[in-house]
Amino acid sequence: MKIWTVLVAAGEGLRFGSKKQLAELAGMPVLLHSTLNASSVSDGIVVVTSADDIDFVRSCLKSIDQVHEIVEGGATRSESVRCGLEKVPHDSEIVIVHDAVRPLASQDLFELVVDKVRNGAEAVVPVVPIADSLRSIDGKQINRDEVLIVQTPQAFNASLLRKAYSSYKEATDDSSLVELAGGIIDFVDGDVSNLKITVKSDLLIAEQFLIAKKTN
């Protein structure tokens, strides 16, 4: 089955203070880590970035054969994915969507979500449980056993993902749009090390995870 990945790297990094996908992690940009990991299962990759960064991203990723397109994103995440999805060949059967600011998503995790779609699932999302106690903004307790953290990479039947993006405009993640379009979401175990780079201290944590993986 032909597998393509849309790698979302168009964020402005307001909380980070700069574009976190371009920040250095263990000697290379966060984006490069993410793209290398995605390339392990992808026949092709479309990278969605900001117009100002296209030349830098093209130079950064020029050694990765699977990168076929680098395109300008939109004003929101959903718009950016839509821009990337337009460049995915129509004969692709599985589409992965991955946030470039998750540089530690392992090859095993990519293979896990892809295998479930290959075996008939419509949409597959990695999730991890929450360890902290939770409260709503009005102070009420939230049962953490009823809540999961959603990660990427998320893998989809390609035709269903296209239907979702043609029918609905915005959601916080791709599986939410697919669910609105009538798709059934399957979960797999995510990885606590698959953190999303949000603030600068996350780079330090990610580097320690990388060091630990090299020594194991």
C-alpha atoms as a PDB file:
ATOM      1  CA  MET A   1       0.000   0.000   0.000  1.00  0.00           C
ATOM      2  CA  LYS A   2       1.332   3.432  -0.923  1.00  0.00           C
ATOM      3  CA  ILE A   3       1.984   5.518   2.198  1.00  0.00           C
ATOM      4  CA  TRP A   4       2.519   9.278   2.290  1.00  0.00           C
ATOM      5  CA  THR A   5       3.122  11.587   5.235  1.00  0.00           C
ATOM      6  CA  VAL A   6       2.043  15.186   5.684  1.00  0.00           C
ATOM      7  CA  LEU A   7       4.546  16.754   8.066  1.00  0.00           C
ATOM      8  CA  VAL A   8       3.186  19.930   9.653  1.00  0.00           C
ATOM      9  CA  ALA A   9       5.921  22.501  10.293  1.00  0.00           C
ATOM     10  CA  ALA A  10       4.223  25.854   9.798  1.00  0.00           C
ATOM     11  CA  GLY A  11       3.804  27.027  13.411  1.00  0.00           C
ATOM     12  CA  GLU A  12       5.117  30.369  14.614  1.00  0.00           C
ATOM     13  CA  GLY A  13       6.162  29.106  18.067  1.00  0.00           C
ATOM     14  CA  LEU A  14       4.676  31.978  20.074  1.00  0.00           C
ATOM     15  CA  ARG A  15       5.039  30.211  23.445  1.00  0.00           C
ATOM     16  CA  PHE A  16       8.508  28.973  22.502  1.00  0.00           C
ATOM     17  CA  GLY A  17       9.699  32.428  21.451  1.00  0.00           C
ATOM     18  CA  SER A  18      10.796  31.357  17.967  1.00  0.00           C
ATOM     19  CA  LYS A  19       9.997  28.663  15.413  1.00  0.00           C
ATOM     20  CA  LYS A  20      10.518  25.538  17.480  1.00  0.00           C
ATOM     21  CA  GLN A  21      10.537  23.224  14.467  1.00  0.00           C
ATOM     22  CA  LEU A  22      13.762  24.950  13.387  1.00  0.00           C
ATOM     23  CA  ALA A  23      15.390  24.905  16.835  1.00  0.00           C
ATOM     24  CA  GLU A  24      18.497  22.783  17.293  1.00  0.00           C
ATOM     25  CA  LEU A  25      18.179  19.428  19.026  1.00  0.00           C
ATOM     26  CA  ALA A  26      21.281  17.261  19.419  1.00  0.00           C
ATOM     27  CA  GLY A  27      23.076  19.050  16.603  1.00  0.00           C
ATOM     28  CA  MET A  28      20.303  19.269  14.011  1.00  0.00           C
ATOM     29  CA  PRO A  29      16.921  20.987  13.594  1.00  0.00           C
ATOM     30  CA  VAL A  30      13.894  19.485  15.301  1.00  0.00           C
ATOM     31  CA  LEU A  31      12.273  19.247  11.859  1.00  0.00           C
ATOM     32  CA  LEU A  32      15.061  17.036  10.547  1.00  0.00           C
ATOM     33  CA  HIS A  33      14.601  14.536  13.385  1.00  0.00           C
ATOM     34  CA  SER A  34      10.875  14.334  12.637  1.00  0.00           C
ATOM     35  CA  THR A  35      11.366  13.951   8.895  1.00  0.00           C
ATOM     36  CA  LEU A  36      13.947  11.197   9.265  1.00  0.00           C
ATOM     37  CA  ASN A  37      11.604   9.273  11.549  1.00  0.00           C
ATOM     38  CA  ALA A  38       8.695   9.674   9.139  1.00  0.00           C
ATOM     39  CA  SER A  39      10.837   8.589   6.192  1.00  0.00           C
ATOM     40  CA  SER A  40      11.192   5.119   7.731  1.00  0.00           C
ATOM     41  CA  VAL A  41       7.637   4.201   6.633  1.00  0.00           C
ATOM     42  CA  SER A  42       6.851   6.734   3.909  1.00  0.00           C
ATOM     43  CA  ASP A  43       6.932   6.445   0.132  1.00  0.00           C
ATOM     44  CA  GLY A  44       6.681  10.215   0.021  1.00  0.00           C
ATOM     45  CA  ILE A  45       6.572  13.178   2.387  1.00  0.00           C
ATOM     46  CA  VAL A  46       4.960  16.582   1.982  1.00  0.00           C
ATOM     47  CA  VAL A  47       6.393  19.171   4.374  1.00  0.00           C
ATOM     48  CA  VAL A  48       4.145  22.122   5.151  1.00  0.00           C
ATOM     49  CA  THR A  49       5.963  25.194   6.396  1.00  0.00           C
ATOM     50  CA  SER A  50       5.742  28.992   6.318  1.00  0.00           C
ATOM     51  CA  ALA A  51       6.611  30.887   3.146  1.00  0.00           C
ATOM     52  CA  ASP A  52       9.624  32.504   4.820  1.00  0.00           C
ATOM     53  CA  ASP A  53      11.137  29.124   5.701  1.00  0.00           C
ATOM     54  CA  ILE A  54      10.691  27.170   2.467  1.00  0.00           C
ATOM     55  CA  ASP A  55      14.268  27.724   1.256  1.00  0.00           C
ATOM     56  CA  PHE A  56      15.767  26.801   4.640  1.00  0.00           C
ATOM     57  CA  VAL A  57      13.592  23.706   4.936  1.00  0.00           C
ATOM     58  CA  ARG A  58      14.461  22.619   1.400  1.00  0.00           C
ATOM     59  CA  SER A  59      18.172  22.918   2.218  1.00  0.00           C
ATOM     60  CA  CYS A  60      17.746  21.161   5.568  1.00  0.00           C
ATOM     61  CA  LEU A  61      15.912  18.174   4.088  1.00  0.00           C
ATOM     62  CA  LYS A  62      17.636  17.859   0.706  1.00  0.00           C
ATOM     63  CA  SER A  63      19.304  14.554   1.627  1.00  0.00           C
ATOM     64  CA  ILE A  64      16.003  12.779   2.378  1.00  0.00           C
ATOM     65  CA  ASP A  65      14.759  11.141  -0.800  1.00  0.00           C
ATOM     66  CA  GLN A  66      11.197  10.719   0.447  1.00  0.00           C
ATOM     67  CA  VAL A  67      10.645  14.492   0.678  1.00  0.00           C
ATOM     68  CA  HIS A  68       8.805  15.229  -2.576  1.00  0.00           C
ATOM     69  CA  GLU A  69       7.070  18.510  -1.799  1.00  0.00           C
ATOM     70  CA  ILE A  70       7.659  21.509   0.468  1.00  0.00           C
ATOM     71  CA  VAL A  71       4.634  23.788   0.487  1.00  0.00           C
ATOM     72  CA  GLU A  72       3.358  26.890   2.217  1.00  0.00           C
ATOM     73  CA  GLY A  73       0.889  26.311   5.030  1.00  0.00           C
ATOM     74  CA  GLY A  74      -2.206  28.196   6.088  1.00  0.00           C
ATOM     75  CA  ALA A  75      -3.291  30.352   9.006  1.00  0.00           C
ATOM     76  CA  THR A  76      -4.351  27.366  11.138  1.00  0.00           C
ATOM     77  CA  ARG A  77      -3.140  23.819  11.609  1.00  0.00           C
ATOM     78  CA  SER A  78      -6.121  22.388   9.753  1.00  0.00           C
ATOM     79  CA  GLU A  79      -5.512  24.731   6.827  1.00  0.00           C
ATOM     80  CA  SER A  80      -1.865  23.671   6.755  1.00  0.00           C
ATOM     81  CA  VAL A  81      -2.756  19.969   6.681  1.00  0.00           C
ATOM     82  CA  ARG A  82      -5.240  20.705   3.904  1.00  0.00           C
ATOM     83  CA  CYS A  83      -2.452  22.392   1.907  1.00  0.00           C
ATOM     84  CA  GLY A  84      -0.235  19.350   2.360  1.00  0.00           C
ATOM     85  CA  LEU A  85      -2.973  16.865   1.576  1.00  0.00           C
ATOM     86  CA  GLU A  86      -3.552  18.525  -1.795  1.00  0.00           C
ATOM     87  CA  LYS A  87      -0.022  17.464  -2.800  1.00  0.00           C
ATOM     88  CA  VAL A  88      -0.405  13.818  -1.767  1.00  0.00           C
ATOM     89  CA  PRO A  89      -0.887  11.598  -4.845  1.00  0.00           C
ATOM     90  CA  HIS A  90      -4.461  10.386  -5.265  1.00  0.00           C
ATOM     91  CA  ASP A  91      -3.359   6.767  -5.529  1.00  0.00           C
ATOM     92  CA  SER A  92      -1.992   6.868  -1.973  1.00  0.00           C
ATOM     93  CA  GLU A  93      -3.909   4.499   0.264  1.00  0.00           C
ATOM     94  CA  ILE A  94      -2.594   5.536   3.690  1.00  0.00           C
ATOM     95  CA  VAL A  95      -1.814   9.065   4.830  1.00  0.00           C
ATOM     96  CA  ILE A  96       0.076   9.840   8.022  1.00  0.00           C
ATOM     97  CA  VAL A  97      -0.143  13.286   9.597  1.00  0.00           C
ATOM     98  CA  HIS A  98       2.645  14.179  11.984  1.00  0.00           C
ATOM     99  CA  ASP A  99       3.586  17.321  13.881  1.00  0.00           C
ATOM    100  CA  ALA A 100       7.168  18.316  13.120  1.00  0.00           C
ATOM    101  CA  VAL A 101       7.573  19.445  16.722  1.00  0.00           C
ATOM    102  CA  ARG A 102       7.366  15.818  17.899  1.00  0.00           C
ATOM    103  CA  PRO A 103      10.944  14.867  16.970  1.00  0.00           C
ATOM    104  CA  LEU A 104      11.108  11.695  19.069  1.00  0.00           C
ATOM    105  CA  ALA A 105       8.246   9.728  17.523  1.00  0.00           C
ATOM    106  CA  SER A 106       9.959   6.391  16.976  1.00  0.00           C
ATOM    107  CA  GLN A 107      10.048   4.253  13.865  1.00  0.00           C
ATOM    108  CA  ASP A 108       8.183   1.603  15.889  1.00  0.00           C
ATOM    109  CA  LEU A 109       5.344   4.045  16.578  1.00  0.00           C
ATOM    110  CA  PHE A 110       5.097   5.012  12.899  1.00  0.00           C
ATOM    111  CA  GLU A 111       4.980   1.341  11.959  1.00  0.00           C
ATOM    112  CA  LEU A 112       2.352   0.608  14.614  1.00  0.00           C
ATOM    113  CA  VAL A 113      -0.160   3.194  13.366  1.00  0.00           C
ATOM    114  CA  VAL A 114       0.452   2.267   9.728  1.00  0.00           C
ATOM    115  CA  ASP A 115       0.034  -1.466  10.339  1.00  0.00           C
ATOM    116  CA  LYS A 116      -3.362  -0.940  11.976  1.00  0.00           C
ATOM    117  CA  VAL A 117      -4.643   1.000   8.962  1.00  0.00           C
ATOM    118  CA  ARG A 118      -3.119  -1.560   6.621  1.00  0.00           C
ATOM    119  CA  ASN A 119      -5.138  -4.183   8.509  1.00  0.00           C
ATOM    120  CA  GLY A 120      -8.434  -2.359   8.112  1.00  0.00           C
ATOM    121  CA  ALA A 121      -8.606   0.475  10.653  1.00  0.00           C
ATOM    122  CA  GLU A 122      -9.936   3.812   9.361  1.00  0.00           C
ATOM    123  CA  ALA A 123      -7.962   6.086  11.664  1.00  0.00           C
ATOM    124  CA  VAL A 124      -5.301   5.298  14.267  1.00  0.00           C
ATOM    125  CA  VAL A 125      -4.182   7.627  17.042  1.00  0.00           C
ATOM    126  CA  PRO A 126      -1.441   7.098  19.641  1.00  0.00           C
ATOM    127  CA  VAL A 127      -2.479   8.027  23.171  1.00  0.00           C
ATOM    128  CA  VAL A 128      -0.888   8.061  26.611  1.00  0.00           C
ATOM    129  CA  PRO A 129      -2.540   8.218  30.050  1.00  0.00           C
ATOM    130  CA  ILE A 130      -2.280  11.265  32.288  1.00  0.00           C
ATOM    131  CA  ALA A 131      -0.267  10.967  35.487  1.00  0.00           C
ATOM    132  CA  ASP A 132      -1.204  14.328  37.042  1.00  0.00           C
ATOM    133  CA  SER A 133      -4.346  15.213  38.931  1.00  0.00           C
ATOM    134  CA  LEU A 134      -6.708  17.367  36.888  1.00  0.00           C
ATOM    135  CA  ARG A 135      -9.232  20.110  37.509  1.00  0.00           C
ATOM    136  CA  SER A 136     -11.398  22.126  35.138  1.00  0.00           C
ATOM    137  CA  ILE A 137     -10.968  25.891  34.942  1.00  0.00           C
ATOM    138  CA  ASP A 138     -13.924  26.304  37.316  1.00  0.00           C
ATOM    139  CA  GLY A 139     -12.163  24.166  39.917  1.00  0.00           C
ATOM    140  CA  LYS A 140     -14.051  20.906  39.522  1.00  0.00           C
ATOM    141  CA  GLN A 141     -12.162  17.628  39.720  1.00  0.00           C
ATOM    142  CA  ILE A 142     -11.667  15.653  36.507  1.00  0.00           C
ATOM    143  CA  ASN A 143     -11.220  11.903  36.627  1.00  0.00           C
ATOM    144  CA  ARG A 144      -7.864  11.380  34.896  1.00  0.00           C
ATOM    145  CA  ASP A 145      -8.808   7.766  34.135  1.00  0.00           C
ATOM    146  CA  GLU A 146     -11.360   9.133  31.679  1.00  0.00           C
ATOM    147  CA  VAL A 147      -8.849  11.343  29.845  1.00  0.00           C
ATOM    148  CA  LEU A 148      -6.010  10.530  27.447  1.00  0.00           C
ATOM    149  CA  ILE A 149      -3.294  12.618  25.814  1.00  0.00           C
ATOM    150  CA  VAL A 150      -3.458  12.458  22.023  1.00  0.00           C
ATOM    151  CA  GLN A 151      -0.211  12.318  20.037  1.00  0.00           C
ATOM    152  CA  THR A 152       0.949  12.126  16.447  1.00  0.00           C
ATOM    153  CA  PRO A 153       1.781  10.386  14.112  1.00  0.00           C
ATOM    154  CA  GLN A 154      -1.837   9.671  13.249  1.00  0.00           C
ATOM    155  CA  ALA A 155      -2.528   7.348  10.302  1.00  0.00           C
ATOM    156  CA  PHE A 156      -5.638   7.282   8.124  1.00  0.00           C
ATOM    157  CA  ASN A 157      -7.358   5.611   5.266  1.00  0.00           C
ATOM    158  CA  ALA A 158      -6.509   8.203   2.625  1.00  0.00           C
ATOM    159  CA  SER A 159      -9.961   8.529   1.060  1.00  0.00           C
ATOM    160  CA  LEU A 160     -11.586   9.034   4.459  1.00  0.00           C
ATOM    161  CA  LEU A 161      -9.068  11.726   5.428  1.00  0.00           C
ATOM    162  CA  ARG A 162      -9.702  13.540   2.151  1.00  0.00           C
ATOM    163  CA  LYS A 163     -13.453  13.351   2.763  1.00  0.00           C
ATOM    164  CA  ALA A 164     -13.013  14.791   6.261  1.00  0.00           C
ATOM    165  CA  TYR A 165     -10.924  17.705   5.045  1.00  0.00           C
ATOM    166  CA  SER A 166     -13.310  18.478   2.209  1.00  0.00           C
ATOM    167  CA  SER A 167     -16.342  18.430   4.516  1.00  0.00           C
ATOM    168  CA  TYR A 168     -15.150  20.118   7.708  1.00  0.00           C
ATOM    169  CA  LYS A 169     -12.922  23.142   8.242  1.00  0.00           C
ATOM    170  CA  GLU A 170     -11.254  23.128  11.648  1.00  0.00           C
ATOM    171  CA  ALA A 171     -10.303  20.847  14.525  1.00  0.00           C
ATOM    172  CA  THR A 172      -7.444  20.586  16.990  1.00  0.00           C
ATOM    173  CA  ASP A 173      -6.243  17.352  15.408  1.00  0.00           C
ATOM    174  CA  ASP A 174      -6.922  15.296  12.302  1.00  0.00           C
ATOM    175  CA  SER A 175      -8.740  12.425  13.989  1.00  0.00           C
ATOM    176  CA  SER A 176     -11.357  14.887  15.254  1.00  0.00           C
ATOM    177  CA  LEU A 177     -12.194  15.875  11.678  1.00  0.00           C
ATOM    178  CA  VAL A 178     -12.312  12.230  10.630  1.00  0.00           C
ATOM    179  CA  GLU A 179     -14.665  11.474  13.506  1.00  0.00           C
ATOM    180  CA  LEU A 180     -16.955  14.303  12.365  1.00  0.00           C
ATOM    181  CA  ALA A 181     -16.955  12.685   8.919  1.00  0.00           C
ATOM    182  CA  GLY A 182     -18.196   9.410  10.432  1.00  0.00           C
ATOM    183  CA  GLY A 183     -14.863   7.642  10.776  1.00  0.00           C
ATOM    184  CA  ILE A 184     -14.085   5.216  13.583  1.00  0.00           C
ATOM    185  CA  ILE A 185     -10.980   6.067  15.625  1.00  0.00           C
ATOM    186  CA  ASP A 186      -8.728   3.297  16.935  1.00  0.00           C
ATOM    187  CA  PHE A 187      -6.179   3.937  19.667  1.00  0.00           C
ATOM    188  CA  VAL A 188      -2.705   2.505  20.145  1.00  0.00           C
ATOM    189  CA  ASP A 189      -0.263   3.026  22.983  1.00  0.00           C
ATOM    190  CA  GLY A 190       1.761   6.167  22.478  1.00  0.00           C
ATOM    191  CA  ASP A 191       5.098   6.932  24.072  1.00  0.00           C
ATOM    192  CA  VAL A 192       5.812   9.355  26.915  1.00  0.00           C
ATOM    193  CA  SER A 193       9.107  10.239  25.219  1.00  0.00           C
ATOM    194  CA  ASN A 194       7.177  11.402  22.148  1.00  0.00           C
ATOM    195  CA  LEU A 195       6.845  14.844  23.631  1.00  0.00           C
ATOM    196  CA  LYS A 196       5.690  17.928  21.768  1.00  0.00           C
ATOM    197  CA  ILE A 197       8.265  20.714  21.839  1.00  0.00           C
ATOM    198  CA  THR A 198       6.340  23.657  23.269  1.00  0.00           C
ATOM    199  CA  VAL A 199       8.744  25.596  25.512  1.00  0.00           C
ATOM    200  CA  LYS A 200      12.535  25.757  25.518  1.00  0.00           C
ATOM    201  CA  SER A 201      12.904  23.375  28.452  1.00  0.00           C
ATOM    202  CA  ASP A 202      11.306  20.666  26.302  1.00  0.00           C
ATOM    203  CA  LEU A 203      14.468  20.649  24.164  1.00  0.00           C
ATOM    204  CA  LEU A 204      16.522  19.737  27.234  1.00  0.00           C
ATOM    205  CA  ILE A 205      14.146  16.914  28.088  1.00  0.00           C
ATOM    206  CA  ALA A 206      14.153  15.658  24.491  1.00  0.00           C
ATOM    207  CA  GLU A 207      17.943  15.644  24.424  1.00  0.00           C
ATOM    208  CA  GLN A 208      18.032  13.496  27.556  1.00  0.00           C
ATOM    209  CA  PHE A 209      15.626  11.034  25.942  1.00  0.00           C
ATOM    210  CA  LEU A 210      17.921  10.850  22.916  1.00  0.00           C
ATOM    211  CA  ILE A 211      20.947  10.244  25.115  1.00  0.00           C
ATOM    212  CA  ALA A 212      19.111   7.495  26.997  1.00  0.00           C
ATOM    213  CA  LYS A 213      18.123   5.763  23.731  1.00  0.00           C
ATOM    214  CA  LYS A 214      21.731   5.777  22.517  1.00  0.00           C
ATOM    215  CA  THR A 215      23.009   4.196  25.735  1.00  0.00           C
ATOM    216  CA  ASN A 216      20.353   1.454  25.865  1.00  0.00           C
END
